[in-house]
Amino acid sequence: MARQRKLGRPTDQRKAMLRNLVTSFLKHGKIQTTQTRAIETKNLAEKMITLAKRGDLHARRQVLSFITEEEVVKNLFNDVAAKYAERNGGYTRMYKMGPRRGDAAELVILELV
């Protein structure tokens, strides 16, 4: 298994933050965040889309255990999975926006292809 970045947070806070980022990303189709958070969010979101493409009950329950909103899961299984049915990975795209004004952290926009 690949090593996960710690993102300067305790485990419970990191998991909660990533769950919220993935849920918001799949809800809106686009988020702006730091580059390291975006990379972790991308990995998890692509895993959720791959599970949604499977489409069975077990996959739905696995996604529901991670994503916090039921409406987002319905949208993921009904619309997003159908949109990427012919695509084998690479569901997301990142655009670099430059450094953030306060702390010079590299900002990116993460969006669905």
PDB file of N, CA and C in Angstrom:
ATOM      1  N   MET A   1       0.843  -1.187   0.000  1.00  0.00           N
ATOM      2  CA  MET A   1       0.000   0.000   0.000  1.00  0.00           C
ATOM      3  C   MET A   1       0.881   1.241   0.000  1.00  0.00           C
ATOM      4  N   ALA A   2       0.485   2.222  -0.750  1.00  0.00           N
ATOM      5  CA  ALA A   2       1.254   3.460  -0.858  1.00  0.00           C
ATOM      6  C   ALA A   2       1.176   4.249   0.454  1.00  0.00           C
ATOM      7  N   ARG A   3       2.240   4.953   0.749  1.00  0.00           N
ATOM      8  CA  ARG A   3       2.288   5.751   1.968  1.00  0.00           C
ATOM      9  C   ARG A   3       1.400   6.976   1.797  1.00  0.00           C
ATOM     10  N   GLN A   4       0.636   7.274   2.844  1.00  0.00           N
ATOM     11  CA  GLN A   4      -0.239   8.441   2.815  1.00  0.00           C
ATOM     12  C   GLN A   4       0.442   9.615   3.498  1.00  0.00           C
ATOM     13  N   ARG A   5       0.269  10.799   2.967  1.00  0.00           N
ATOM     14  CA  ARG A   5       0.847  11.995   3.582  1.00  0.00           C
ATOM     15  C   ARG A   5       0.124  12.305   4.889  1.00  0.00           C
ATOM     16  N   LYS A   6       0.863  12.844   5.845  1.00  0.00           N
ATOM     17  CA  LYS A   6       0.262  13.133   7.148  1.00  0.00           C
ATOM     18  C   LYS A   6      -0.421  14.505   7.187  1.00  0.00           C
ATOM     19  N   LEU A   7      -0.009  15.411   6.321  1.00  0.00           N
ATOM     20  CA  LEU A   7      -0.619  16.735   6.187  1.00  0.00           C
ATOM     21  C   LEU A   7      -0.622  17.528   7.498  1.00  0.00           C
ATOM     22  N   GLY A   8       0.307  17.219   8.390  1.00  0.00           N
ATOM     23  CA  GLY A   8       0.449  17.987   9.620  1.00  0.00           C
ATOM     24  C   GLY A   8      -0.719  17.889  10.569  1.00  0.00           C
ATOM     25  N   ARG A   9      -1.428  16.773  10.563  1.00  0.00           N
ATOM     26  CA  ARG A   9      -2.598  16.617  11.415  1.00  0.00           C
ATOM     27  C   ARG A   9      -2.614  15.236  12.055  1.00  0.00           C
ATOM     28  N   PRO A  10      -3.276  15.116  13.224  1.00  0.00           N
ATOM     29  CA  PRO A  10      -3.479  13.787  13.799  1.00  0.00           C
ATOM     30  C   PRO A  10      -4.381  12.942  12.886  1.00  0.00           C
ATOM     31  N   THR A  11      -4.341  11.641  13.073  1.00  0.00           N
ATOM     32  CA  THR A  11      -5.030  10.723  12.172  1.00  0.00           C
ATOM     33  C   THR A  11      -6.512  11.015  12.045  1.00  0.00           C
ATOM     34  N   ASP A  12      -7.209  11.231  13.164  1.00  0.00           N
ATOM     35  CA  ASP A  12      -8.657  11.445  13.094  1.00  0.00           C
ATOM     36  C   ASP A  12      -9.001  12.739  12.363  1.00  0.00           C
ATOM     37  N   GLN A  13      -8.226  13.796  12.603  1.00  0.00           N
ATOM     38  CA  GLN A  13      -8.479  15.061  11.914  1.00  0.00           C
ATOM     39  C   GLN A  13      -8.174  14.957  10.428  1.00  0.00           C
ATOM     40  N   ARG A  14      -7.096  14.226  10.081  1.00  0.00           N
ATOM     41  CA  ARG A  14      -6.714  14.056   8.685  1.00  0.00           C
ATOM     42  C   ARG A  14      -7.793  13.273   7.925  1.00  0.00           C
ATOM     43  N   LYS A  15      -8.286  12.196   8.526  1.00  0.00           N
ATOM     44  CA  LYS A  15      -9.331  11.411   7.878  1.00  0.00           C
ATOM     45  C   LYS A  15     -10.600  12.237   7.673  1.00  0.00           C
ATOM     46  N   ALA A  16     -10.977  13.011   8.687  1.00  0.00           N
ATOM     47  CA  ALA A  16     -12.174  13.848   8.586  1.00  0.00           C
ATOM     48  C   ALA A  16     -12.006  14.907   7.497  1.00  0.00           C
ATOM     49  N   MET A  17     -10.819  15.530   7.455  1.00  0.00           N
ATOM     50  CA  MET A  17     -10.560  16.555   6.441  1.00  0.00           C
ATOM     51  C   MET A  17     -10.633  15.965   5.036  1.00  0.00           C
ATOM     52  N   LEU A  18     -10.017  14.794   4.826  1.00  0.00           N
ATOM     53  CA  LEU A  18     -10.032  14.174   3.502  1.00  0.00           C
ATOM     54  C   LEU A  18     -11.427  13.711   3.113  1.00  0.00           C
ATOM     55  N   ARG A  19     -12.207  13.211   4.070  1.00  0.00           N
ATOM     56  CA  ARG A  19     -13.594  12.832   3.772  1.00  0.00           C
ATOM     57  C   ARG A  19     -14.391  14.057   3.314  1.00  0.00           C
ATOM     58  N   ASN A  20     -14.210  15.181   4.011  1.00  0.00           N
ATOM     59  CA  ASN A  20     -14.911  16.397   3.638  1.00  0.00           C
ATOM     60  C   ASN A  20     -14.450  16.914   2.278  1.00  0.00           C
ATOM     61  N   LEU A  21     -13.144  16.869   2.012  1.00  0.00           N
ATOM     62  CA  LEU A  21     -12.624  17.332   0.720  1.00  0.00           C
ATOM     63  C   LEU A  21     -13.166  16.476  -0.425  1.00  0.00           C
ATOM     64  N   VAL A  22     -13.160  15.148  -0.252  1.00  0.00           N
ATOM     65  CA  VAL A  22     -13.650  14.260  -1.310  1.00  0.00           C
ATOM     66  C   VAL A  22     -15.145  14.470  -1.525  1.00  0.00           C
ATOM     67  N   THR A  23     -15.898  14.605  -0.434  1.00  0.00           N
ATOM     68  CA  THR A  23     -17.345  14.835  -0.553  1.00  0.00           C
ATOM     69  C   THR A  23     -17.629  16.144  -1.282  1.00  0.00           C
ATOM     70  N   SER A  24     -16.934  17.216  -0.902  1.00  0.00           N
ATOM     71  CA  SER A  24     -17.132  18.512  -1.563  1.00  0.00           C
ATOM     72  C   SER A  24     -16.717  18.449  -3.032  1.00  0.00           C
ATOM     73  N   PHE A  25     -15.611  17.757  -3.299  1.00  0.00           N
ATOM     74  CA  PHE A  25     -15.128  17.632  -4.669  1.00  0.00           C
ATOM     75  C   PHE A  25     -16.144  16.906  -5.553  1.00  0.00           C
ATOM     76  N   LEU A  26     -16.687  15.801  -5.067  1.00  0.00           N
ATOM     77  CA  LEU A  26     -17.651  15.047  -5.865  1.00  0.00           C
ATOM     78  C   LEU A  26     -19.004  15.762  -5.940  1.00  0.00           C
ATOM     79  N   LYS A  27     -19.314  16.585  -4.945  1.00  0.00           N
ATOM     80  CA  LYS A  27     -20.568  17.341  -4.953  1.00  0.00           C
ATOM     81  C   LYS A  27     -20.524  18.474  -5.969  1.00  0.00           C
ATOM     82  N   HIS A  28     -19.413  19.206  -5.996  1.00  0.00           N
ATOM     83  CA  HIS A  28     -19.317  20.387  -6.855  1.00  0.00           C
ATOM     84  C   HIS A  28     -18.548  20.137  -8.151  1.00  0.00           C
ATOM     85  N   GLY A  29     -17.767  19.060  -8.208  1.00  0.00           N
ATOM     86  CA  GLY A  29     -16.993  18.754  -9.398  1.00  0.00           C
ATOM     87  C   GLY A  29     -15.715  19.555  -9.523  1.00  0.00           C
ATOM     88  N   LYS A  30     -15.435  20.408  -8.524  1.00  0.00           N
ATOM     89  CA  LYS A  30     -14.277  21.294  -8.610  1.00  0.00           C
ATOM     90  C   LYS A  30     -14.004  21.872  -7.230  1.00  0.00           C
ATOM     91  N   ILE A  31     -12.730  21.880  -6.803  1.00  0.00           N
ATOM     92  CA  ILE A  31     -12.356  22.535  -5.550  1.00  0.00           C
ATOM     93  C   ILE A  31     -11.002  23.213  -5.729  1.00  0.00           C
ATOM     94  N   GLN A  32     -10.756  24.207  -4.892  1.00  0.00           N
ATOM     95  CA  GLN A  32      -9.443  24.857  -4.859  1.00  0.00           C
ATOM     96  C   GLN A  32      -8.835  24.578  -3.497  1.00  0.00           C
ATOM     97  N   THR A  33      -7.615  24.034  -3.484  1.00  0.00           N
ATOM     98  CA  THR A  33      -6.946  23.673  -2.245  1.00  0.00           C
ATOM     99  C   THR A  33      -5.442  23.661  -2.480  1.00  0.00           C
ATOM    100  N   THR A  34      -4.685  23.285  -1.465  1.00  0.00           N
ATOM    101  CA  THR A  34      -3.240  23.208  -1.633  1.00  0.00           C
ATOM    102  C   THR A  34      -2.881  21.971  -2.451  1.00  0.00           C
ATOM    103  N   GLN A  35      -1.684  21.964  -2.986  1.00  0.00           N
ATOM    104  CA  GLN A  35      -1.280  20.895  -3.891  1.00  0.00           C
ATOM    105  C   GLN A  35      -1.225  19.535  -3.197  1.00  0.00           C
ATOM    106  N   THR A  36      -0.686  19.472  -1.988  1.00  0.00           N
ATOM    107  CA  THR A  36      -0.572  18.179  -1.311  1.00  0.00           C
ATOM    108  C   THR A  36      -1.949  17.633  -0.927  1.00  0.00           C
ATOM    109  N   ARG A  37      -2.839  18.501  -0.473  1.00  0.00           N
ATOM    110  CA  ARG A  37      -4.196  18.053  -0.160  1.00  0.00           C
ATOM    111  C   ARG A  37      -4.912  17.594  -1.427  1.00  0.00           C
ATOM    112  N   ALA A  38      -4.687  18.295  -2.526  1.00  0.00           N
ATOM    113  CA  ALA A  38      -5.335  17.939  -3.786  1.00  0.00           C
ATOM    114  C   ALA A  38      -4.877  16.568  -4.278  1.00  0.00           C
ATOM    115  N   ILE A  39      -3.604  16.249  -4.102  1.00  0.00           N
ATOM    116  CA  ILE A  39      -3.095  14.951  -4.543  1.00  0.00           C
ATOM    117  C   ILE A  39      -3.753  13.827  -3.743  1.00  0.00           C
ATOM    118  N   GLU A  40      -3.857  13.997  -2.431  1.00  0.00           N
ATOM    119  CA  GLU A  40      -4.511  12.983  -1.601  1.00  0.00           C
ATOM    120  C   GLU A  40      -6.000  12.879  -1.933  1.00  0.00           C
ATOM    121  N   THR A  41      -6.640  14.029  -2.158  1.00  0.00           N
ATOM    122  CA  THR A  41      -8.058  14.038  -2.521  1.00  0.00           C
ATOM    123  C   THR A  41      -8.277  13.352  -3.857  1.00  0.00           C
ATOM    124  N   LYS A  42      -7.395  13.600  -4.807  1.00  0.00           N
ATOM    125  CA  LYS A  42      -7.495  12.982  -6.131  1.00  0.00           C
ATOM    126  C   LYS A  42      -7.425  11.465  -6.023  1.00  0.00           C
ATOM    127  N   ASN A  43      -6.476  10.961  -5.243  1.00  0.00           N
ATOM    128  CA  ASN A  43      -6.327   9.514  -5.093  1.00  0.00           C
ATOM    129  C   ASN A  43      -7.603   8.884  -4.538  1.00  0.00           C
ATOM    130  N   LEU A  44      -8.163   9.495  -3.506  1.00  0.00           N
ATOM    131  CA  LEU A  44      -9.368   8.944  -2.887  1.00  0.00           C
ATOM    132  C   LEU A  44     -10.587   9.093  -3.783  1.00  0.00           C
ATOM    133  N   ALA A  45     -10.714  10.239  -4.467  1.00  0.00           N
ATOM    134  CA  ALA A  45     -11.863  10.457  -5.341  1.00  0.00           C
ATOM    135  C   ALA A  45     -11.852   9.480  -6.512  1.00  0.00           C
ATOM    136  N   GLU A  46     -10.682   9.226  -7.082  1.00  0.00           N
ATOM    137  CA  GLU A  46     -10.610   8.273  -8.192  1.00  0.00           C
ATOM    138  C   GLU A  46     -10.971   6.868  -7.723  1.00  0.00           C
ATOM    139  N   LYS A  47     -10.601   6.531  -6.493  1.00  0.00           N
ATOM    140  CA  LYS A  47     -10.990   5.237  -5.940  1.00  0.00           C
ATOM    141  C   LYS A  47     -12.512   5.158  -5.790  1.00  0.00           C
ATOM    142  N   MET A  48     -13.142   6.241  -5.342  1.00  0.00           N
ATOM    143  CA  MET A  48     -14.602   6.261  -5.175  1.00  0.00           C
ATOM    144  C   MET A  48     -15.310   6.133  -6.530  1.00  0.00           C
ATOM    145  N   ILE A  49     -14.788   6.799  -7.556  1.00  0.00           N
ATOM    146  CA  ILE A  49     -15.391   6.712  -8.892  1.00  0.00           C
ATOM    147  C   ILE A  49     -15.248   5.300  -9.438  1.00  0.00           C
ATOM    148  N   THR A  50     -14.098   4.671  -9.209  1.00  0.00           N
ATOM    149  CA  THR A  50     -13.899   3.299  -9.666  1.00  0.00           C
ATOM    150  C   THR A  50     -14.870   2.357  -8.969  1.00  0.00           C
ATOM    151  N   LEU A  51     -15.095   2.555  -7.671  1.00  0.00           N
ATOM    152  CA  LEU A  51     -16.087   1.748  -6.956  1.00  0.00           C
ATOM    153  C   LEU A  51     -17.485   1.987  -7.510  1.00  0.00           C
ATOM    154  N   ALA A  52     -17.805   3.240  -7.830  1.00  0.00           N
ATOM    155  CA  ALA A  52     -19.129   3.561  -8.374  1.00  0.00           C
ATOM    156  C   ALA A  52     -19.333   2.920  -9.737  1.00  0.00           C
ATOM    157  N   LYS A  53     -18.274   2.802 -10.515  1.00  0.00           N
ATOM    158  CA  LYS A  53     -18.381   2.153 -11.826  1.00  0.00           C
ATOM    159  C   LYS A  53     -18.731   0.675 -11.676  1.00  0.00           C
ATOM    160  N   ARG A  54     -18.272   0.045 -10.582  1.00  0.00           N
ATOM    161  CA  ARG A  54     -18.648  -1.344 -10.320  1.00  0.00           C
ATOM    162  C   ARG A  54     -20.154  -1.457 -10.130  1.00  0.00           C
ATOM    163  N   GLY A  55     -20.722  -0.540  -9.343  1.00  0.00           N
ATOM    164  CA  GLY A  55     -22.157  -0.388  -9.261  1.00  0.00           C
ATOM    165  C   GLY A  55     -22.919  -1.384  -8.412  1.00  0.00           C
ATOM    166  N   ASP A  56     -22.261  -2.336  -7.738  1.00  0.00           N
ATOM    167  CA  ASP A  56     -23.010  -3.289  -6.937  1.00  0.00           C
ATOM    168  C   ASP A  56     -23.240  -2.762  -5.518  1.00  0.00           C
ATOM    169  N   LEU A  57     -24.004  -3.507  -4.742  1.00  0.00           N
ATOM    170  CA  LEU A  57     -24.383  -3.071  -3.401  1.00  0.00           C
ATOM    171  C   LEU A  57     -23.179  -2.935  -2.479  1.00  0.00           C
ATOM    172  N   HIS A  58     -22.240  -3.858  -2.577  1.00  0.00           N
ATOM    173  CA  HIS A  58     -21.050  -3.801  -1.733  1.00  0.00           C
ATOM    174  C   HIS A  58     -20.234  -2.539  -2.022  1.00  0.00           C
ATOM    175  N   ALA A  59     -20.086  -2.190  -3.304  1.00  0.00           N
ATOM    176  CA  ALA A  59     -19.353  -0.976  -3.675  1.00  0.00           C
ATOM    177  C   ALA A  59     -20.076   0.262  -3.139  1.00  0.00           C
ATOM    178  N   ARG A  60     -21.409   0.271  -3.218  1.00  0.00           N
ATOM    179  CA  ARG A  60     -22.184   1.411  -2.714  1.00  0.00           C
ATOM    180  C   ARG A  60     -21.970   1.578  -1.209  1.00  0.00           C
ATOM    181  N   ARG A  61     -21.945   0.466  -0.490  1.00  0.00           N
ATOM    182  CA  ARG A  61     -21.747   0.539   0.960  1.00  0.00           C
ATOM    183  C   ARG A  61     -20.329   0.971   1.305  1.00  0.00           C
ATOM    184  N   GLN A  62     -19.360   0.551   0.511  1.00  0.00           N
ATOM    185  CA  GLN A  62     -17.988   1.000   0.732  1.00  0.00           C
ATOM    186  C   GLN A  62     -17.876   2.510   0.533  1.00  0.00           C
ATOM    187  N   VAL A  63     -18.518   3.027  -0.508  1.00  0.00           N
ATOM    188  CA  VAL A  63     -18.488   4.469  -0.773  1.00  0.00           C
ATOM    189  C   VAL A  63     -19.226   5.222   0.331  1.00  0.00           C
ATOM    190  N   LEU A  64     -20.391   4.687   0.755  1.00  0.00           N
ATOM    191  CA  LEU A  64     -21.162   5.339   1.813  1.00  0.00           C
ATOM    192  C   LEU A  64     -20.408   5.378   3.138  1.00  0.00           C
ATOM    193  N   SER A  65     -19.493   4.437   3.359  1.00  0.00           N
ATOM    194  CA  SER A  65     -18.725   4.453   4.598  1.00  0.00           C
ATOM    195  C   SER A  65     -17.693   5.573   4.599  1.00  0.00           C
ATOM    196  N   PHE A  66     -17.380   6.129   3.425  1.00  0.00           N
ATOM    197  CA  PHE A  66     -16.372   7.191   3.339  1.00  0.00           C
ATOM    198  C   PHE A  66     -16.984   8.555   3.067  1.00  0.00           C
ATOM    199  N   ILE A  67     -17.906   8.643   2.110  1.00  0.00           N
ATOM    200  CA  ILE A  67     -18.518   9.925   1.731  1.00  0.00           C
ATOM    201  C   ILE A  67     -19.631  10.255   2.715  1.00  0.00           C
ATOM    202  N   THR A  68     -19.716  11.514   3.118  1.00  0.00           N
ATOM    203  CA  THR A  68     -20.592  11.901   4.218  1.00  0.00           C
ATOM    204  C   THR A  68     -22.020  12.243   3.801  1.00  0.00           C
ATOM    205  N   GLU A  69     -22.290  12.462   2.532  1.00  0.00           N
ATOM    206  CA  GLU A  69     -23.631  12.859   2.100  1.00  0.00           C
ATOM    207  C   GLU A  69     -24.230  11.824   1.153  1.00  0.00           C
ATOM    208  N   GLU A  70     -25.451  11.406   1.458  1.00  0.00           N
ATOM    209  CA  GLU A  70     -26.105  10.375   0.660  1.00  0.00           C
ATOM    210  C   GLU A  70     -26.442  10.866  -0.749  1.00  0.00           C
ATOM    211  N   GLU A  71     -26.786  12.137  -0.895  1.00  0.00           N
ATOM    212  CA  GLU A  71     -27.102  12.697  -2.215  1.00  0.00           C
ATOM    213  C   GLU A  71     -25.887  12.644  -3.141  1.00  0.00           C
ATOM    214  N   VAL A  72     -24.716  12.878  -2.577  1.00  0.00           N
ATOM    215  CA  VAL A  72     -23.484  12.830  -3.366  1.00  0.00           C
ATOM    216  C   VAL A  72     -23.244  11.399  -3.867  1.00  0.00           C
ATOM    217  N   VAL A  73     -23.534  10.410  -3.017  1.00  0.00           N
ATOM    218  CA  VAL A  73     -23.356   9.011  -3.410  1.00  0.00           C
ATOM    219  C   VAL A  73     -24.335   8.645  -4.523  1.00  0.00           C
ATOM    220  N   LYS A  74     -25.574   9.097  -4.407  1.00  0.00           N
ATOM    221  CA  LYS A  74     -26.569   8.830  -5.465  1.00  0.00           C
ATOM    222  C   LYS A  74     -26.115   9.431  -6.787  1.00  0.00           C
ATOM    223  N   ASN A  75     -25.666  10.674  -6.737  1.00  0.00           N
ATOM    224  CA  ASN A  75     -25.170  11.344  -7.939  1.00  0.00           C
ATOM    225  C   ASN A  75     -23.953  10.616  -8.503  1.00  0.00           C
ATOM    226  N   LEU A  76     -23.061  10.176  -7.626  1.00  0.00           N
ATOM    227  CA  LEU A  76     -21.854   9.471  -8.046  1.00  0.00           C
ATOM    228  C   LEU A  76     -22.206   8.183  -8.781  1.00  0.00           C
ATOM    229  N   PHE A  77     -23.118   7.402  -8.249  1.00  0.00           N
ATOM    230  CA  PHE A  77     -23.464   6.120  -8.858  1.00  0.00           C
ATOM    231  C   PHE A  77     -24.325   6.288 -10.112  1.00  0.00           C
ATOM    232  N   ASN A  78     -25.216   7.281 -10.125  1.00  0.00           N
ATOM    233  CA  ASN A  78     -26.126   7.425 -11.263  1.00  0.00           C
ATOM    234  C   ASN A  78     -25.521   8.205 -12.421  1.00  0.00           C
ATOM    235  N   ASP A  79     -24.865   9.320 -12.141  1.00  0.00           N
ATOM    236  CA  ASP A  79     -24.396  10.215 -13.203  1.00  0.00           C
ATOM    237  C   ASP A  79     -22.903  10.080 -13.502  1.00  0.00           C
ATOM    238  N   VAL A  80     -22.092  10.212 -12.469  1.00  0.00           N
ATOM    239  CA  VAL A  80     -20.640  10.244 -12.662  1.00  0.00           C
ATOM    240  C   VAL A  80     -20.125   8.901 -13.178  1.00  0.00           C
ATOM    241  N   ALA A  81     -20.614   7.797 -12.605  1.00  0.00           N
ATOM    242  CA  ALA A  81     -20.152   6.474 -13.037  1.00  0.00           C
ATOM    243  C   ALA A  81     -20.511   6.221 -14.502  1.00  0.00           C
ATOM    244  N   ALA A  82     -21.692   6.671 -14.920  1.00  0.00           N
ATOM    245  CA  ALA A  82     -22.100   6.503 -16.323  1.00  0.00           C
ATOM    246  C   ALA A  82     -21.229   7.360 -17.246  1.00  0.00           C
ATOM    247  N   LYS A  83     -20.866   8.547 -16.766  1.00  0.00           N
ATOM    248  CA  LYS A  83     -20.044   9.459 -17.568  1.00  0.00           C
ATOM    249  C   LYS A  83     -18.660   8.870 -17.847  1.00  0.00           C
ATOM    250  N   TYR A  84     -18.097   8.138 -16.867  1.00  0.00           N
ATOM    251  CA  TYR A  84     -16.745   7.593 -16.998  1.00  0.00           C
ATOM    252  C   TYR A  84     -16.731   6.090 -17.251  1.00  0.00           C
ATOM    253  N   ALA A  85     -17.818   5.533 -17.763  1.00  0.00           N
ATOM    254  CA  ALA A  85     -17.924   4.084 -17.964  1.00  0.00           C
ATOM    255  C   ALA A  85     -16.851   3.563 -18.923  1.00  0.00           C
ATOM    256  N   GLU A  86     -16.516   4.329 -19.933  1.00  0.00           N
ATOM    257  CA  GLU A  86     -15.548   3.888 -20.940  1.00  0.00           C
ATOM    258  C   GLU A  86     -14.115   4.292 -20.609  1.00  0.00           C
ATOM    259  N   ARG A  87     -13.931   5.036 -19.533  1.00  0.00           N
ATOM    260  CA  ARG A  87     -12.607   5.576 -19.200  1.00  0.00           C
ATOM    261  C   ARG A  87     -11.945   4.720 -18.122  1.00  0.00           C
ATOM    262  N   ASN A  88     -10.688   4.373 -18.304  1.00  0.00           N
ATOM    263  CA  ASN A  88      -9.956   3.563 -17.343  1.00  0.00           C
ATOM    264  C   ASN A  88      -9.030   4.434 -16.501  1.00  0.00           C
ATOM    265  N   GLY A  89      -9.575   5.147 -15.538  1.00  0.00           N
ATOM    266  CA  GLY A  89      -8.774   5.993 -14.658  1.00  0.00           C
ATOM    267  C   GLY A  89      -8.551   7.372 -15.254  1.00  0.00           C
ATOM    268  N   GLY A  90      -7.904   8.227 -14.480  1.00  0.00           N
ATOM    269  CA  GLY A  90      -7.622   9.585 -14.930  1.00  0.00           C
ATOM    270  C   GLY A  90      -8.870  10.435 -14.999  1.00  0.00           C
ATOM    271  N   TYR A  91      -9.668  10.412 -13.927  1.00  0.00           N
ATOM    272  CA  TYR A  91     -10.938  11.141 -13.922  1.00  0.00           C
ATOM    273  C   TYR A  91     -10.779  12.587 -13.482  1.00  0.00           C
ATOM    274  N   THR A  92      -9.602  12.963 -13.012  1.00  0.00           N
ATOM    275  CA  THR A  92      -9.414  14.302 -12.459  1.00  0.00           C
ATOM    276  C   THR A  92      -8.293  15.051 -13.178  1.00  0.00           C
ATOM    277  N   ARG A  93      -8.295  16.365 -12.994  1.00  0.00           N
ATOM    278  CA  ARG A  93      -7.287  17.247 -13.606  1.00  0.00           C
ATOM    279  C   ARG A  93      -6.931  18.313 -12.578  1.00  0.00           C
ATOM    280  N   MET A  94      -5.633  18.686 -12.530  1.00  0.00           N
ATOM    281  CA  MET A  94      -5.178  19.722 -11.602  1.00  0.00           C
ATOM    282  C   MET A  94      -4.558  20.878 -12.374  1.00  0.00           C
ATOM    283  N   TYR A  95      -4.966  22.090 -12.013  1.00  0.00           N
ATOM    284  CA  TYR A  95      -4.368  23.309 -12.564  1.00  0.00           C
ATOM    285  C   TYR A  95      -3.656  24.039 -11.445  1.00  0.00           C
ATOM    286  N   LYS A  96      -2.388  24.397 -11.649  1.00  0.00           N
ATOM    287  CA  LYS A  96      -1.659  25.162 -10.646  1.00  0.00           C
ATOM    288  C   LYS A  96      -2.084  26.624 -10.718  1.00  0.00           C
ATOM    289  N   MET A  97      -2.309  27.214  -9.535  1.00  0.00           N
ATOM    290  CA  MET A  97      -2.770  28.599  -9.457  1.00  0.00           C
ATOM    291  C   MET A  97      -1.687  29.539  -8.923  1.00  0.00           C
ATOM    292  N   GLY A  98      -0.546  28.990  -8.487  1.00  0.00           N
ATOM    293  CA  GLY A  98       0.509  29.821  -7.931  1.00  0.00           C
ATOM    294  C   GLY A  98       0.464  29.799  -6.413  1.00  0.00           C
ATOM    295  N   PRO A  99       1.376  30.519  -5.776  1.00  0.00           N
ATOM    296  CA  PRO A  99       1.458  30.478  -4.313  1.00  0.00           C
ATOM    297  C   PRO A  99       0.344  31.286  -3.636  1.00  0.00           C
ATOM    298  N   ARG A 100      -0.045  30.808  -2.461  1.00  0.00           N
ATOM    299  CA  ARG A 100      -1.042  31.513  -1.648  1.00  0.00           C
ATOM    300  C   ARG A 100      -0.379  32.717  -1.008  1.00  0.00           C
ATOM    301  N   ARG A 101      -1.113  33.795  -0.861  1.00  0.00           N
ATOM    302  CA  ARG A 101      -0.559  35.051  -0.377  1.00  0.00           C
ATOM    303  C   ARG A 101      -0.030  34.966   1.056  1.00  0.00           C
ATOM    304  N   GLY A 102      -0.722  34.270   1.935  1.00  0.00           N
ATOM    305  CA  GLY A 102      -0.336  34.268   3.348  1.00  0.00           C
ATOM    306  C   GLY A 102       0.906  33.453   3.652  1.00  0.00           C
ATOM    307  N   ASP A 103       0.943  32.199   3.173  1.00  0.00           N
ATOM    308  CA  ASP A 103       2.037  31.313   3.552  1.00  0.00           C
ATOM    309  C   ASP A 103       2.783  30.731   2.353  1.00  0.00           C
ATOM    310  N   ALA A 104       2.486  31.185   1.168  1.00  0.00           N
ATOM    311  CA  ALA A 104       3.151  30.757  -0.070  1.00  0.00           C
ATOM    312  C   ALA A 104       2.961  29.264  -0.364  1.00  0.00           C
ATOM    313  N   ALA A 105       1.867  28.689   0.153  1.00  0.00           N
ATOM    314  CA  ALA A 105       1.561  27.299  -0.178  1.00  0.00           C
ATOM    315  C   ALA A 105       1.064  27.236  -1.629  1.00  0.00           C
ATOM    316  N   GLU A 106       1.479  26.236  -2.372  1.00  0.00           N
ATOM    317  CA  GLU A 106       1.093  26.108  -3.785  1.00  0.00           C
ATOM    318  C   GLU A 106      -0.384  25.739  -3.884  1.00  0.00           C
ATOM    319  N   LEU A 107      -1.194  26.596  -4.520  1.00  0.00           N
ATOM    320  CA  LEU A 107      -2.620  26.351  -4.675  1.00  0.00           C
ATOM    321  C   LEU A 107      -2.887  25.717  -6.037  1.00  0.00           C
ATOM    322  N   VAL A 108      -3.881  24.828  -6.068  1.00  0.00           N
ATOM    323  CA  VAL A 108      -4.290  24.188  -7.316  1.00  0.00           C
ATOM    324  C   VAL A 108      -5.812  24.120  -7.360  1.00  0.00           C
ATOM    325  N   ILE A 109      -6.333  24.002  -8.568  1.00  0.00           N
ATOM    326  CA  ILE A 109      -7.756  23.722  -8.752  1.00  0.00           C
ATOM    327  C   ILE A 109      -7.839  22.273  -9.210  1.00  0.00           C
ATOM    328  N   LEU A 110      -8.617  21.477  -8.493  1.00  0.00           N
ATOM    329  CA  LEU A 110      -8.838  20.078  -8.820  1.00  0.00           C
ATOM    330  C   LEU A 110     -10.242  19.973  -9.382  1.00  0.00           C
ATOM    331  N   GLU A 111     -10.360  19.369 -10.579  1.00  0.00           N
ATOM    332  CA  GLU A 111     -11.683  19.247 -11.200  1.00  0.00           C
ATOM    333  C   GLU A 111     -11.826  17.912 -11.905  1.00  0.00           C
ATOM    334  N   LEU A 112     -13.087  17.527 -12.094  1.00  0.00           N
ATOM    335  CA  LEU A 112     -13.367  16.315 -12.864  1.00  0.00           C
ATOM    336  C   LEU A 112     -13.161  16.593 -14.341  1.00  0.00           C
ATOM    337  N   VAL A 113     -12.611  15.615 -15.053  1.00  0.00           N
ATOM    338  CA  VAL A 113     -12.341  15.774 -16.491  1.00  0.00           C
ATOM    339  C   VAL A 113     -13.662  15.789 -17.246  1.00  0.00           C
TER     340      VAL A 113
END
